[in-house]
Amino acid sequence: MSLRIAAYAVCVEGGRVLLARLVSTEGWSTWTLPGGGVEHGEDPFDAVVREVAEETGCDAVVERLLGVDSRVIPAAERAAPGGPDHQNVGIFYQVRVTGGPLRPEPDGAVAESAWTPVPDVTALRRSSLVDIGLTLARTRPPTGHVAPVPVGGLIQH
């Protein structure tokens, strides 16, 4: 089983959420939250700010920890076939954008970023991370632990 620890930004302003569209080398694309892997020795708090800047071009500040989600994605459900089962430990932060123009990630997998009306999210081909982050932002569980979030529709892991 593979393991990834990642930090994700949930930035909701004026009824819109900041999303990033990932495009793979194989040509598939999916919308997700800005964020990504925590580097060795890096604080997840710092990682989420770095990832927002890298993926969207925006400066951001963390307002609060929303929670942690840990889930195992069976190999058969992974977007990239042929890999093992995968555990993703996601640390979700409420983040506020303080400046910077939206832009694609230079030499990266993010082709574009966009402020998307929250009601329009369900029609997007998206990562389950989007639903988890929005659920945490809406419910703000006191323990920071999100119960399993039902995912479906156009969801990708």
Protein backbone atom coordinates (compact mmCIF):
# COMPACT_ATOMS: atom_id res chain seq x y z
CA MET A 1 0.00 0.00 0.00
CA SER A 2 1.25 3.49 -0.81
CA LEU A 3 0.84 6.43 1.59
CA ARG A 4 0.59 10.17 0.99
CA ILE A 5 0.30 12.98 3.53
CA ALA A 6 -1.06 16.11 1.91
CA ALA A 7 -2.38 19.55 2.82
CA TYR A 8 -5.39 21.03 1.01
CA ALA A 9 -6.82 24.55 0.83
CA VAL A 10 -10.55 25.11 1.14
CA CYS A 11 -11.10 28.67 0.02
CA VAL A 12 -14.75 29.67 -0.14
CA GLU A 13 -15.57 33.32 -0.77
CA GLY A 14 -18.86 34.84 -1.87
CA GLY A 15 -20.44 31.44 -2.50
CA ARG A 16 -17.56 30.33 -4.75
CA VAL A 17 -14.76 27.84 -4.11
CA LEU A 18 -11.26 28.02 -5.55
CA LEU A 19 -10.56 24.90 -7.63
CA ALA A 20 -7.61 23.72 -9.71
CA ARG A 21 -7.97 21.61 -12.87
CA LEU A 22 -5.36 18.87 -13.08
CA VAL A 23 -4.43 17.44 -16.47
CA SER A 24 -2.52 14.16 -16.60
CA THR A 25 0.10 13.19 -19.15
CA GLU A 26 -2.46 10.66 -20.42
CA GLY A 27 -4.89 13.52 -21.17
CA TRP A 28 -7.60 13.07 -18.51
CA SER A 29 -8.52 16.05 -16.39
CA THR A 30 -10.22 16.54 -13.05
CA TRP A 31 -10.98 19.44 -10.73
CA THR A 32 -9.54 19.41 -7.21
CA LEU A 33 -8.67 21.65 -4.30
CA PRO A 34 -5.34 23.45 -4.41
CA GLY A 35 -2.91 21.44 -2.35
CA GLY A 36 -0.57 18.54 -2.41
CA GLY A 37 2.06 16.46 -0.75
CA VAL A 38 3.84 17.61 2.38
CA GLU A 39 7.58 17.47 1.79
CA HIS A 40 9.91 15.76 4.29
CA GLY A 41 10.47 18.09 7.24
CA GLU A 42 7.79 20.53 6.06
CA ASP A 43 4.96 21.69 8.31
CA PRO A 44 1.56 21.00 6.65
CA PHE A 45 0.55 24.59 7.57
CA ASP A 46 3.40 25.88 5.39
CA ALA A 47 2.78 23.25 2.70
CA VAL A 48 -0.77 24.41 2.01
CA VAL A 49 0.32 28.03 1.53
CA ARG A 50 3.16 26.90 -0.78
CA GLU A 51 0.83 24.67 -2.79
CA VAL A 52 -1.76 27.44 -3.30
CA ALA A 53 0.99 29.74 -4.62
CA GLU A 54 2.49 27.05 -6.88
CA GLU A 55 -0.77 25.78 -8.33
CA THR A 56 -2.86 28.97 -8.63
CA GLY A 57 -0.46 31.92 -8.48
CA CYS A 58 -2.34 33.31 -5.46
CA ASP A 59 -1.00 34.39 -2.11
CA ALA A 60 -2.94 32.87 0.76
CA VAL A 61 -3.15 32.79 4.53
CA VAL A 62 -4.44 29.96 6.67
CA GLU A 63 -7.42 30.95 8.80
CA ARG A 64 -8.01 27.67 10.60
CA LEU A 65 -7.59 23.93 10.53
CA LEU A 66 -10.80 22.33 9.30
CA GLY A 67 -9.93 18.70 9.87
CA VAL A 68 -8.17 15.56 8.76
CA ASP A 69 -9.45 12.87 6.43
CA SER A 70 -7.81 9.48 6.09
CA ARG A 71 -9.06 7.08 3.49
CA VAL A 72 -7.86 4.00 1.66
CA ILE A 73 -8.49 4.01 -2.07
CA PRO A 74 -8.58 0.47 -3.47
CA ALA A 75 -6.27 -0.11 -6.42
CA ALA A 76 -9.26 -0.76 -8.70
CA GLU A 77 -10.66 2.74 -8.01
CA ARG A 78 -7.46 4.71 -8.58
CA ALA A 79 -7.30 7.09 -11.55
CA ALA A 80 -3.90 5.68 -12.52
CA PRO A 81 -4.31 1.95 -13.11
CA GLY A 82 -1.80 -0.63 -11.99
CA GLY A 83 -0.87 0.86 -8.63
CA PRO A 84 -1.41 -0.64 -5.19
CA ASP A 85 -4.10 0.31 -2.70
CA HIS A 86 -3.39 3.86 -1.55
CA GLN A 87 -3.92 5.63 1.77
CA ASN A 88 -4.29 9.40 1.56
CA VAL A 89 -4.10 11.41 4.79
CA GLY A 90 -5.45 14.83 3.92
CA ILE A 91 -5.09 17.83 6.22
CA PHE A 92 -7.69 20.44 5.25
CA TYR A 93 -7.29 24.13 6.04
CA GLN A 94 -9.66 27.05 5.60
CA VAL A 95 -7.61 29.47 3.52
CA ARG A 96 -8.17 33.06 2.40
CA VAL A 97 -6.64 34.42 -0.79
CA THR A 98 -4.90 37.74 -0.16
CA GLY A 99 -3.67 38.56 -3.66
CA GLY A 100 -2.15 37.41 -6.90
CA PRO A 101 -3.75 36.70 -10.27
CA LEU A 102 -5.02 33.21 -11.09
CA ARG A 103 -2.71 31.42 -13.51
CA PRO A 104 -1.81 27.89 -14.60
CA GLU A 105 0.97 26.10 -12.73
CA PRO A 106 4.24 26.70 -14.57
CA ASP A 107 5.62 23.32 -15.68
CA GLY A 108 3.06 21.55 -13.52
CA ALA A 109 -0.11 19.51 -13.74
CA VAL A 110 -2.56 22.37 -13.01
CA ALA A 111 -3.83 23.71 -16.34
CA GLU A 112 -6.10 26.34 -14.80
CA SER A 113 -7.63 27.56 -11.56
CA ALA A 114 -11.09 29.02 -11.21
CA TRP A 115 -13.52 30.45 -8.71
CA THR A 116 -16.49 28.10 -9.09
CA PRO A 117 -19.97 28.66 -7.64
CA VAL A 118 -20.42 26.01 -4.95
CA PRO A 119 -23.75 24.74 -6.44
CA ASP A 120 -21.97 24.12 -9.78
CA VAL A 121 -19.37 21.79 -8.24
CA THR A 122 -21.60 18.71 -8.43
CA ALA A 123 -21.63 18.92 -12.24
CA LEU A 124 -17.81 18.83 -12.46
CA ARG A 125 -15.56 15.82 -12.95
CA ARG A 126 -13.76 16.21 -9.63
CA SER A 127 -11.62 14.62 -6.98
CA SER A 128 -13.35 13.32 -3.88
CA LEU A 129 -11.15 15.84 -2.03
CA VAL A 130 -13.46 18.64 -3.18
CA ASP A 131 -16.50 17.08 -1.50
CA ILE A 132 -14.54 16.27 1.65
CA GLY A 133 -13.19 19.83 1.92
CA LEU A 134 -16.56 21.44 1.31
CA THR A 135 -18.18 19.13 3.88
CA LEU A 136 -15.54 20.07 6.46
CA ALA A 137 -16.02 23.78 5.71
CA ARG A 138 -19.79 23.48 6.03
CA THR A 139 -19.96 21.27 9.13
CA ARG A 140 -16.77 22.24 11.01
CA PRO A 141 -16.77 19.10 13.15
CA PRO A 142 -15.50 19.89 16.66
CA THR A 143 -13.09 16.96 16.61
CA GLY A 144 -11.75 17.86 13.15
CA HIS A 145 -12.58 14.34 11.98
CA VAL A 146 -14.93 14.01 9.08
CA ALA A 147 -17.22 11.03 8.98
CA PRO A 148 -17.07 9.15 5.68
CA VAL A 149 -18.31 11.59 3.03
CA PRO A 150 -20.54 9.96 0.45
CA VAL A 151 -19.02 10.46 -2.96
CA GLY A 152 -20.57 9.74 -6.30
CA GLY A 153 -21.42 11.15 -9.68
CA LEU A 154 -18.36 12.42 -11.50
CA ILE A 155 -16.00 11.76 -8.59
CA GLN A 156 -12.47 10.52 -9.22
CA HIS A 157 -9.89 9.41 -6.66
